[in-house]
Amino acid sequence: EFYDHFVDGNEWYNIIKTFEIQEEKTELQRF
């Protein structure tokens, strides 16, 4: 799952398949 709190503070919309967030996802996977 992936949520952007700047636009979806309620975590209503799982945007894991959105192409635009793949770089951010890769960055967080490091942790």
PDB file of all heavy atoms in Angstrom:
ATOM      1  N   GLU A   1       0.856  -1.184   0.000  1.00  0.00           N
ATOM      2  CA  GLU A   1       0.000   0.000   0.000  1.00  0.00           C
ATOM      3  C   GLU A   1       0.892   1.235   0.000  1.00  0.00           C
ATOM      4  O   GLU A   1       2.035   1.191   0.465  1.00  0.00           O
ATOM      5  CB  GLU A   1      -0.911   0.031   1.230  1.00  0.00           C
ATOM      6  CG  GLU A   1      -1.902  -1.115   1.319  1.00  0.00           C
ATOM      7  CD  GLU A   1      -2.696  -1.087   2.618  1.00  0.00           C
ATOM      8  OE1 GLU A   1      -3.253  -0.010   2.952  1.00  0.00           O
ATOM      9  OE2 GLU A   1      -2.752  -2.123   3.301  1.00  0.00           O
ATOM     10  N   PHE A   2       0.342   2.343  -0.507  1.00  0.00           N
ATOM     11  CA  PHE A   2       1.097   3.602  -0.539  1.00  0.00           C
ATOM     12  C   PHE A   2       0.114   4.757  -0.438  1.00  0.00           C
ATOM     13  O   PHE A   2      -0.897   4.804  -1.146  1.00  0.00           O
ATOM     14  CB  PHE A   2       1.897   3.712  -1.846  1.00  0.00           C
ATOM     15  CG  PHE A   2       3.020   4.714  -1.789  1.00  0.00           C
ATOM     16  CD1 PHE A   2       4.310   4.321  -1.490  1.00  0.00           C
ATOM     17  CD2 PHE A   2       2.781   6.071  -2.022  1.00  0.00           C
ATOM     18  CE1 PHE A   2       5.352   5.239  -1.436  1.00  0.00           C
ATOM     19  CE2 PHE A   2       3.805   6.996  -1.967  1.00  0.00           C
ATOM     20  CZ  PHE A   2       5.099   6.573  -1.672  1.00  0.00           C
ATOM     21  N   TYR A   3       0.403   5.702   0.465  1.00  0.00           N
ATOM     22  CA  TYR A   3      -0.475   6.852   0.684  1.00  0.00           C
ATOM     23  C   TYR A   3       0.337   8.134   0.708  1.00  0.00           C
ATOM     24  O   TYR A   3       1.449   8.168   1.242  1.00  0.00           O
ATOM     25  CB  TYR A   3      -1.241   6.700   2.006  1.00  0.00           C
ATOM     26  CG  TYR A   3      -2.073   5.447   2.071  1.00  0.00           C
ATOM     27  CD1 TYR A   3      -1.579   4.295   2.688  1.00  0.00           C
ATOM     28  CD2 TYR A   3      -3.333   5.396   1.486  1.00  0.00           C
ATOM     29  CE1 TYR A   3      -2.337   3.132   2.732  1.00  0.00           C
ATOM     30  CE2 TYR A   3      -4.100   4.242   1.521  1.00  0.00           C
ATOM     31  CZ  TYR A   3      -3.590   3.105   2.146  1.00  0.00           C
ATOM     32  OH  TYR A   3      -4.342   1.955   2.183  1.00  0.00           O
ATOM     33  N   ASP A   4      -0.239   9.185   0.143  1.00  0.00           N
ATOM     34  CA  ASP A   4       0.381  10.505   0.143  1.00  0.00           C
ATOM     35  C   ASP A   4      -0.369  11.382   1.132  1.00  0.00           C
ATOM     36  O   ASP A   4      -1.507  11.800   0.876  1.00  0.00           O
ATOM     37  CB  ASP A   4       0.313  11.112  -1.259  1.00  0.00           C
ATOM     38  CG  ASP A   4       1.032  12.455  -1.354  1.00  0.00           C
ATOM     39  OD1 ASP A   4       1.313  13.065  -0.303  1.00  0.00           O
ATOM     40  OD2 ASP A   4       1.295  12.908  -2.486  1.00  0.00           O
ATOM     41  N   HIS A   5       0.250  11.668   2.274  1.00  0.00           N
ATOM     42  CA  HIS A   5      -0.428  12.412   3.336  1.00  0.00           C
ATOM     43  C   HIS A   5      -0.624  13.885   3.004  1.00  0.00           C
ATOM     44  O   HIS A   5      -1.438  14.542   3.649  1.00  0.00           O
ATOM     45  CB  HIS A   5       0.328  12.254   4.655  1.00  0.00           C
ATOM     46  CG  HIS A   5      -0.120  11.061   5.437  1.00  0.00           C
ATOM     47  ND1 HIS A   5      -0.898  11.147   6.556  1.00  0.00           N
ATOM     48  CD2 HIS A   5       0.072   9.741   5.232  1.00  0.00           C
ATOM     49  CE1 HIS A   5      -1.162   9.948   7.030  1.00  0.00           C
ATOM     50  NE2 HIS A   5      -0.574   9.068   6.237  1.00  0.00           N
ATOM     51  N   PHE A   6       0.079  14.380   2.036  1.00  0.00           N
ATOM     52  CA  PHE A   6      -0.123  15.782   1.674  1.00  0.00           C
ATOM     53  C   PHE A   6      -1.447  15.992   0.953  1.00  0.00           C
ATOM     54  O   PHE A   6      -1.988  17.099   0.946  1.00  0.00           O
ATOM     55  CB  PHE A   6       1.025  16.279   0.802  1.00  0.00           C
ATOM     56  CG  PHE A   6       2.312  16.539   1.559  1.00  0.00           C
ATOM     57  CD1 PHE A   6       2.435  16.218   2.908  1.00  0.00           C
ATOM     58  CD2 PHE A   6       3.397  17.116   0.925  1.00  0.00           C
ATOM     59  CE1 PHE A   6       3.599  16.466   3.606  1.00  0.00           C
ATOM     60  CE2 PHE A   6       4.580  17.368   1.616  1.00  0.00           C
ATOM     61  CZ  PHE A   6       4.686  17.028   2.958  1.00  0.00           C
ATOM     62  N   VAL A   7      -1.984  14.936   0.357  1.00  0.00           N
ATOM     63  CA  VAL A   7      -3.266  15.044  -0.357  1.00  0.00           C
ATOM     64  C   VAL A   7      -4.326  14.088   0.193  1.00  0.00           C
ATOM     65  O   VAL A   7      -5.509  14.235  -0.113  1.00  0.00           O
ATOM     66  CB  VAL A   7      -3.092  14.792  -1.873  1.00  0.00           C
ATOM     67  CG1 VAL A   7      -2.191  15.840  -2.481  1.00  0.00           C
ATOM     68  CG2 VAL A   7      -2.542  13.393  -2.140  1.00  0.00           C
ATOM     69  N   ASP A   8      -3.919  13.110   1.013  1.00  0.00           N
ATOM     70  CA  ASP A   8      -4.847  12.095   1.510  1.00  0.00           C
ATOM     71  C   ASP A   8      -4.477  11.731   2.945  1.00  0.00           C
ATOM     72  O   ASP A   8      -4.000  10.643   3.227  1.00  0.00           O
ATOM     73  CB  ASP A   8      -4.792  10.855   0.595  1.00  0.00           C
ATOM     74  CG  ASP A   8      -5.700   9.715   1.067  1.00  0.00           C
ATOM     75  OD1 ASP A   8      -6.681   9.997   1.789  1.00  0.00           O
ATOM     76  OD2 ASP A   8      -5.408   8.548   0.714  1.00  0.00           O
ATOM     77  N   GLY A   9      -4.719  12.670   3.867  1.00  0.00           N
ATOM     78  CA  GLY A   9      -4.365  12.445   5.265  1.00  0.00           C
ATOM     79  C   GLY A   9      -5.148  11.329   5.925  1.00  0.00           C
ATOM     80  O   GLY A   9      -4.726  10.802   6.953  1.00  0.00           O
ATOM     81  N   ASN A  10      -6.292  10.945   5.345  1.00  0.00           N
ATOM     82  CA  ASN A  10      -7.103   9.864   5.901  1.00  0.00           C
ATOM     83  C   ASN A  10      -6.677   8.483   5.424  1.00  0.00           C
ATOM     84  O   ASN A  10      -7.234   7.479   5.875  1.00  0.00           O
ATOM     85  CB  ASN A  10      -8.576  10.081   5.535  1.00  0.00           C
ATOM     86  CG  ASN A  10      -9.162  11.299   6.183  1.00  0.00           C
ATOM     87  OD1 ASN A  10      -9.119  11.453   7.408  1.00  0.00           O
ATOM     88  ND2 ASN A  10      -9.723  12.194   5.381  1.00  0.00           N
ATOM     89  N   GLU A  11      -5.732   8.443   4.492  1.00  0.00           N
ATOM     90  CA  GLU A  11      -5.296   7.178   3.893  1.00  0.00           C
ATOM     91  C   GLU A  11      -6.476   6.399   3.317  1.00  0.00           C
ATOM     92  O   GLU A  11      -6.639   5.197   3.532  1.00  0.00           O
ATOM     93  CB  GLU A  11      -4.528   6.332   4.924  1.00  0.00           C
ATOM     94  CG  GLU A  11      -3.228   6.976   5.366  1.00  0.00           C
ATOM     95  CD  GLU A  11      -2.378   6.108   6.279  1.00  0.00           C
ATOM     96  OE1 GLU A  11      -2.892   5.067   6.762  1.00  0.00           O
ATOM     97  OE2 GLU A  11      -1.209   6.467   6.522  1.00  0.00           O
ATOM     98  N   TRP A  12      -7.262   7.099   2.545  1.00  0.00           N
ATOM     99  CA  TRP A  12      -8.415   6.482   1.901  1.00  0.00           C
ATOM    100  C   TRP A  12      -8.066   5.819   0.564  1.00  0.00           C
ATOM    101  O   TRP A  12      -8.749   4.905   0.136  1.00  0.00           O
ATOM    102  CB  TRP A  12      -9.502   7.536   1.665  1.00  0.00           C
ATOM    103  CG  TRP A  12     -10.276   7.884   2.907  1.00  0.00           C
ATOM    104  CD1 TRP A  12     -10.372   7.160   4.058  1.00  0.00           C
ATOM    105  CD2 TRP A  12     -11.082   9.053   3.107  1.00  0.00           C
ATOM    106  NE1 TRP A  12     -11.179   7.798   4.969  1.00  0.00           N
ATOM    107  CE2 TRP A  12     -11.628   8.960   4.415  1.00  0.00           C
ATOM    108  CE3 TRP A  12     -11.398  10.155   2.325  1.00  0.00           C
ATOM    109  CZ2 TRP A  12     -12.477   9.937   4.937  1.00  0.00           C
ATOM    110  CZ3 TRP A  12     -12.249  11.123   2.850  1.00  0.00           C
ATOM    111  CH2 TRP A  12     -12.777  11.017   4.144  1.00  0.00           C
ATOM    112  N   TYR A  13      -7.020   6.314  -0.090  1.00  0.00           N
ATOM    113  CA  TYR A  13      -6.760   5.888  -1.472  1.00  0.00           C
ATOM    114  C   TYR A  13      -5.358   5.301  -1.605  1.00  0.00           C
ATOM    115  O   TYR A  13      -4.356   6.009  -1.522  1.00  0.00           O
ATOM    116  CB  TYR A  13      -6.942   7.074  -2.413  1.00  0.00           C
ATOM    117  CG  TYR A  13      -8.292   7.735  -2.248  1.00  0.00           C
ATOM    118  CD1 TYR A  13      -8.405   8.982  -1.613  1.00  0.00           C
ATOM    119  CD2 TYR A  13      -9.459   7.099  -2.650  1.00  0.00           C
ATOM    120  CE1 TYR A  13      -9.647   9.577  -1.426  1.00  0.00           C
ATOM    121  CE2 TYR A  13     -10.702   7.684  -2.462  1.00  0.00           C
ATOM    122  CZ  TYR A  13     -10.787   8.920  -1.843  1.00  0.00           C
ATOM    123  OH  TYR A  13     -12.016   9.511  -1.648  1.00  0.00           O
ATOM    124  N   ASN A  14      -5.318   3.997  -1.797  1.00  0.00           N
ATOM    125  CA  ASN A  14      -4.065   3.281  -1.991  1.00  0.00           C
ATOM    126  C   ASN A  14      -3.574   3.521  -3.416  1.00  0.00           C
ATOM    127  O   ASN A  14      -4.166   3.041  -4.383  1.00  0.00           O
ATOM    128  CB  ASN A  14      -4.284   1.786  -1.745  1.00  0.00           C
ATOM    129  CG  ASN A  14      -3.033   0.964  -1.951  1.00  0.00           C
ATOM    130  OD1 ASN A  14      -1.931   1.496  -2.043  1.00  0.00           O
ATOM    131  ND2 ASN A  14      -3.201  -0.353  -2.035  1.00  0.00           N
ATOM    132  N   ILE A  15      -2.469   4.254  -3.552  1.00  0.00           N
ATOM    133  CA  ILE A  15      -1.983   4.640  -4.884  1.00  0.00           C
ATOM    134  C   ILE A  15      -0.721   3.864  -5.260  1.00  0.00           C
ATOM    135  O   ILE A  15       0.109   4.344  -6.023  1.00  0.00           O
ATOM    136  CB  ILE A  15      -1.711   6.159  -4.952  1.00  0.00           C
ATOM    137  CG1 ILE A  15      -0.712   6.587  -3.865  1.00  0.00           C
ATOM    138  CG2 ILE A  15      -3.020   6.934  -4.829  1.00  0.00           C
ATOM    139  CD1 ILE A  15      -0.267   8.047  -3.981  1.00  0.00           C
ATOM    140  N   ILE A  16      -0.606   2.632  -4.762  1.00  0.00           N
ATOM    141  CA  ILE A  16       0.608   1.853  -4.995  1.00  0.00           C
ATOM    142  C   ILE A  16       0.878   1.603  -6.471  1.00  0.00           C
ATOM    143  O   ILE A  16       2.043   1.475  -6.889  1.00  0.00           O
ATOM    144  CB  ILE A  16       0.549   0.507  -4.227  1.00  0.00           C
ATOM    145  CG1 ILE A  16       1.895  -0.201  -4.268  1.00  0.00           C
ATOM    146  CG2 ILE A  16      -0.568  -0.375  -4.759  1.00  0.00           C
ATOM    147  CD1 ILE A  16       3.014   0.545  -3.621  1.00  0.00           C
ATOM    148  N   LYS A  17      -0.154   1.548  -7.289  1.00  0.00           N
ATOM    149  CA  LYS A  17       0.038   1.244  -8.710  1.00  0.00           C
ATOM    150  C   LYS A  17       0.270   2.496  -9.551  1.00  0.00           C
ATOM    151  O   LYS A  17       0.446   2.400 -10.768  1.00  0.00           O
ATOM    152  CB  LYS A  17      -1.166   0.481  -9.234  1.00  0.00           C
ATOM    153  CG  LYS A  17      -1.345  -0.890  -8.578  1.00  0.00           C
ATOM    154  CD  LYS A  17      -2.548  -1.629  -9.132  1.00  0.00           C
ATOM    155  CE  LYS A  17      -2.709  -2.988  -8.450  1.00  0.00           C
ATOM    156  NZ  LYS A  17      -3.900  -3.726  -8.954  1.00  0.00           N
ATOM    157  N   THR A  18       0.289   3.642  -8.894  1.00  0.00           N
ATOM    158  CA  THR A  18       0.497   4.890  -9.626  1.00  0.00           C
ATOM    159  C   THR A  18       1.962   5.026 -10.024  1.00  0.00           C
ATOM    160  O   THR A  18       2.859   4.909  -9.187  1.00  0.00           O
ATOM    161  CB  THR A  18       0.093   6.098  -8.758  1.00  0.00           C
ATOM    162  OG1 THR A  18      -1.257   5.925  -8.324  1.00  0.00           O
ATOM    163  CG2 THR A  18       0.197   7.393  -9.561  1.00  0.00           C
ATOM    164  N   PHE A  19       2.195   5.274 -11.274  1.00  0.00           N
ATOM    165  CA  PHE A  19       3.563   5.344 -11.793  1.00  0.00           C
ATOM    166  C   PHE A  19       4.367   6.450 -11.109  1.00  0.00           C
ATOM    167  O   PHE A  19       5.547   6.290 -10.820  1.00  0.00           O
ATOM    168  CB  PHE A  19       3.543   5.587 -13.312  1.00  0.00           C
ATOM    169  CG  PHE A  19       4.906   5.795 -13.898  1.00  0.00           C
ATOM    170  CD1 PHE A  19       5.755   4.726 -14.133  1.00  0.00           C
ATOM    171  CD2 PHE A  19       5.361   7.078 -14.213  1.00  0.00           C
ATOM    172  CE1 PHE A  19       7.021   4.920 -14.663  1.00  0.00           C
ATOM    173  CE2 PHE A  19       6.627   7.279 -14.746  1.00  0.00           C
ATOM    174  CZ  PHE A  19       7.450   6.197 -14.969  1.00  0.00           C
ATOM    175  N   GLU A  20       3.728   7.568 -10.818  1.00  0.00           N
ATOM    176  CA  GLU A  20       4.432   8.740 -10.313  1.00  0.00           C
ATOM    177  C   GLU A  20       5.100   8.511  -8.955  1.00  0.00           C
ATOM    178  O   GLU A  20       6.010   9.246  -8.576  1.00  0.00           O
ATOM    179  CB  GLU A  20       3.481   9.930 -10.204  1.00  0.00           C
ATOM    180  CG  GLU A  20       3.068  10.538 -11.533  1.00  0.00           C
ATOM    181  CD  GLU A  20       2.006   9.711 -12.249  1.00  0.00           C
ATOM    182  OE1 GLU A  20       1.466   8.771 -11.611  1.00  0.00           O
ATOM    183  OE2 GLU A  20       1.719   9.989 -13.429  1.00  0.00           O
ATOM    184  N   ILE A  21       4.662   7.520  -8.200  1.00  0.00           N
ATOM    185  CA  ILE A  21       5.206   7.344  -6.849  1.00  0.00           C
ATOM    186  C   ILE A  21       6.273   6.253  -6.773  1.00  0.00           C
ATOM    187  O   ILE A  21       6.776   5.954  -5.691  1.00  0.00           O
ATOM    188  CB  ILE A  21       4.083   7.048  -5.827  1.00  0.00           C
ATOM    189  CG1 ILE A  21       3.303   5.777  -6.191  1.00  0.00           C
ATOM    190  CG2 ILE A  21       3.155   8.235  -5.688  1.00  0.00           C
ATOM    191  CD1 ILE A  21       3.812   4.498  -5.598  1.00  0.00           C
ATOM    192  N   GLN A  22       6.635   5.661  -7.892  1.00  0.00           N
ATOM    193  CA  GLN A  22       7.560   4.535  -7.849  1.00  0.00           C
ATOM    194  C   GLN A  22       8.943   4.937  -7.313  1.00  0.00           C
ATOM    195  O   GLN A  22       9.593   4.166  -6.604  1.00  0.00           O
ATOM    196  CB  GLN A  22       7.691   3.901  -9.235  1.00  0.00           C
ATOM    197  CG  GLN A  22       6.401   3.290  -9.750  1.00  0.00           C
ATOM    198  CD  GLN A  22       5.752   2.332  -8.752  1.00  0.00           C
ATOM    199  OE1 GLN A  22       6.404   1.417  -8.228  1.00  0.00           O
ATOM    200  NE2 GLN A  22       4.470   2.553  -8.468  1.00  0.00           N
ATOM    201  N   GLU A  23       9.391   6.132  -7.608  1.00  0.00           N
ATOM    202  CA  GLU A  23      10.683   6.580  -7.101  1.00  0.00           C
ATOM    203  C   GLU A  23      10.638   6.737  -5.583  1.00  0.00           C
ATOM    204  O   GLU A  23      11.573   6.321  -4.872  1.00  0.00           O
ATOM    205  CB  GLU A  23      11.072   7.913  -7.752  1.00  0.00           C
ATOM    206  CG  GLU A  23      12.441   8.415  -7.320  1.00  0.00           C
ATOM    207  CD  GLU A  23      12.842   9.706  -8.022  1.00  0.00           C
ATOM    208  OE1 GLU A  23      12.214  10.054  -9.050  1.00  0.00           O
ATOM    209  OE2 GLU A  23      13.778  10.369  -7.540  1.00  0.00           O
ATOM    210  N   GLU A  24       9.552   7.323  -5.080  1.00  0.00           N
ATOM    211  CA  GLU A  24       9.399   7.490  -3.632  1.00  0.00           C
ATOM    212  C   GLU A  24       9.272   6.128  -2.938  1.00  0.00           C
ATOM    213  O   GLU A  24       9.821   5.909  -1.850  1.00  0.00           O
ATOM    214  CB  GLU A  24       8.170   8.337  -3.320  1.00  0.00           C
ATOM    215  CG  GLU A  24       8.322   9.809  -3.626  1.00  0.00           C
ATOM    216  CD  GLU A  24       8.094  10.135  -5.103  1.00  0.00           C
ATOM    217  OE1 GLU A  24       7.788   9.193  -5.875  1.00  0.00           O
ATOM    218  OE2 GLU A  24       8.220  11.319  -5.467  1.00  0.00           O
ATOM    219  N   LYS A  25       8.565   5.215  -3.585  1.00  0.00           N
ATOM    220  CA  LYS A  25       8.433   3.865  -3.019  1.00  0.00           C
ATOM    221  C   LYS A  25       9.799   3.191  -2.905  1.00  0.00           C
ATOM    222  O   LYS A  25      10.130   2.606  -1.867  1.00  0.00           O
ATOM    223  CB  LYS A  25       7.511   3.029  -3.906  1.00  0.00           C
ATOM    224  CG  LYS A  25       7.493   1.549  -3.565  1.00  0.00           C
ATOM    225  CD  LYS A  25       6.716   0.761  -4.605  1.00  0.00           C
ATOM    226  CE  LYS A  25       7.246  -0.657  -4.706  1.00  0.00           C
ATOM    227  NZ  LYS A  25       6.550  -1.452  -5.728  1.00  0.00           N
ATOM    228  N   THR A  26      10.592   3.285  -3.936  1.00  0.00           N
ATOM    229  CA  THR A  26      11.934   2.689  -3.920  1.00  0.00           C
ATOM    230  C   THR A  26      12.779   3.289  -2.806  1.00  0.00           C
ATOM    231  O   THR A  26      13.530   2.581  -2.126  1.00  0.00           O
ATOM    232  CB  THR A  26      12.629   2.893  -5.270  1.00  0.00           C
ATOM    233  OG1 THR A  26      11.837   2.275  -6.296  1.00  0.00           O
ATOM    234  CG2 THR A  26      14.021   2.290  -5.270  1.00  0.00           C
ATOM    235  N   GLU A  27      12.644   4.586  -2.601  1.00  0.00           N
ATOM    236  CA  GLU A  27      13.394   5.261  -1.539  1.00  0.00           C
ATOM    237  C   GLU A  27      13.002   4.718  -0.171  1.00  0.00           C
ATOM    238  O   GLU A  27      13.857   4.439   0.676  1.00  0.00           O
ATOM    239  CB  GLU A  27      13.143   6.763  -1.606  1.00  0.00           C
ATOM    240  CG  GLU A  27      13.680   7.571  -0.439  1.00  0.00           C
ATOM    241  CD  GLU A  27      15.206   7.571  -0.339  1.00  0.00           C
ATOM    242  OE1 GLU A  27      15.870   7.224  -1.341  1.00  0.00           O
ATOM    243  OE2 GLU A  27      15.727   7.900   0.737  1.00  0.00           O
ATOM    244  N   LEU A  28      11.695   4.534   0.080  1.00  0.00           N
ATOM    245  CA  LEU A  28      11.235   4.059   1.383  1.00  0.00           C
ATOM    246  C   LEU A  28      11.539   2.578   1.595  1.00  0.00           C
ATOM    247  O   LEU A  28      11.742   2.139   2.738  1.00  0.00           O
ATOM    248  CB  LEU A  28       9.737   4.324   1.543  1.00  0.00           C
ATOM    249  CG  LEU A  28       9.328   5.798   1.616  1.00  0.00           C
ATOM    250  CD1 LEU A  28       7.834   5.940   1.796  1.00  0.00           C
ATOM    251  CD2 LEU A  28      10.059   6.507   2.739  1.00  0.00           C
ATOM    252  N   GLN A  29      11.585   1.814   0.524  1.00  0.00           N
ATOM    253  CA  GLN A  29      11.903   0.392   0.649  1.00  0.00           C
ATOM    254  C   GLN A  29      13.279   0.168   1.277  1.00  0.00           C
ATOM    255  O   GLN A  29      13.532  -0.878   1.885  1.00  0.00           O
ATOM    256  CB  GLN A  29      11.850  -0.288  -0.719  1.00  0.00           C
ATOM    257  CG  GLN A  29      10.438  -0.597  -1.203  1.00  0.00           C
ATOM    258  CD  GLN A  29      10.451  -1.238  -2.577  1.00  0.00           C
ATOM    259  OE1 GLN A  29      11.231  -0.854  -3.458  1.00  0.00           O
ATOM    260  NE2 GLN A  29       9.581  -2.218  -2.776  1.00  0.00           N
ATOM    261  N   ARG A  30      14.158   1.137   1.154  1.00  0.00           N
ATOM    262  CA  ARG A  30      15.507   1.008   1.714  1.00  0.00           C
ATOM    263  C   ARG A  30      15.480   0.846   3.228  1.00  0.00           C
ATOM    264  O   ARG A  30      16.423   0.320   3.819  1.00  0.00           O
ATOM    265  CB  ARG A  30      16.357   2.240   1.365  1.00  0.00           C
ATOM    266  CG  ARG A  30      16.631   2.453  -0.091  1.00  0.00           C
ATOM    267  CD  ARG A  30      17.702   3.503  -0.313  1.00  0.00           C
ATOM    268  NE  ARG A  30      17.409   4.797   0.291  1.00  0.00           N
ATOM    269  CZ  ARG A  30      18.075   5.303   1.336  1.00  0.00           C
ATOM    270  NH1 ARG A  30      19.058   4.619   1.903  1.00  0.00           N
ATOM    271  NH2 ARG A  30      17.764   6.498   1.815  1.00  0.00           N
ATOM    272  N   PHE A  31      14.408   1.303   3.846  1.00  0.00           N
ATOM    273  CA  PHE A  31      14.340   1.293   5.296  1.00  0.00           C
ATOM    274  C   PHE A  31      13.657   0.043   5.856  1.00  0.00           C
ATOM    275  O   PHE A  31      13.502  -0.086   7.079  1.00  0.00           O
ATOM    276  CB  PHE A  31      13.629   2.542   5.795  1.00  0.00           C
ATOM    277  CG  PHE A  31      14.279   3.820   5.354  1.00  0.00           C
ATOM    278  CD1 PHE A  31      13.609   4.732   4.562  1.00  0.00           C
ATOM    279  CD2 PHE A  31      15.591   4.102   5.712  1.00  0.00           C
ATOM    280  CE1 PHE A  31      14.210   5.913   4.143  1.00  0.00           C
ATOM    281  CE2 PHE A  31      16.208   5.268   5.309  1.00  0.00           C
ATOM    282  CZ  PHE A  31      15.518   6.178   4.514  1.00  0.00           C
TER     283      PHE A  31
END
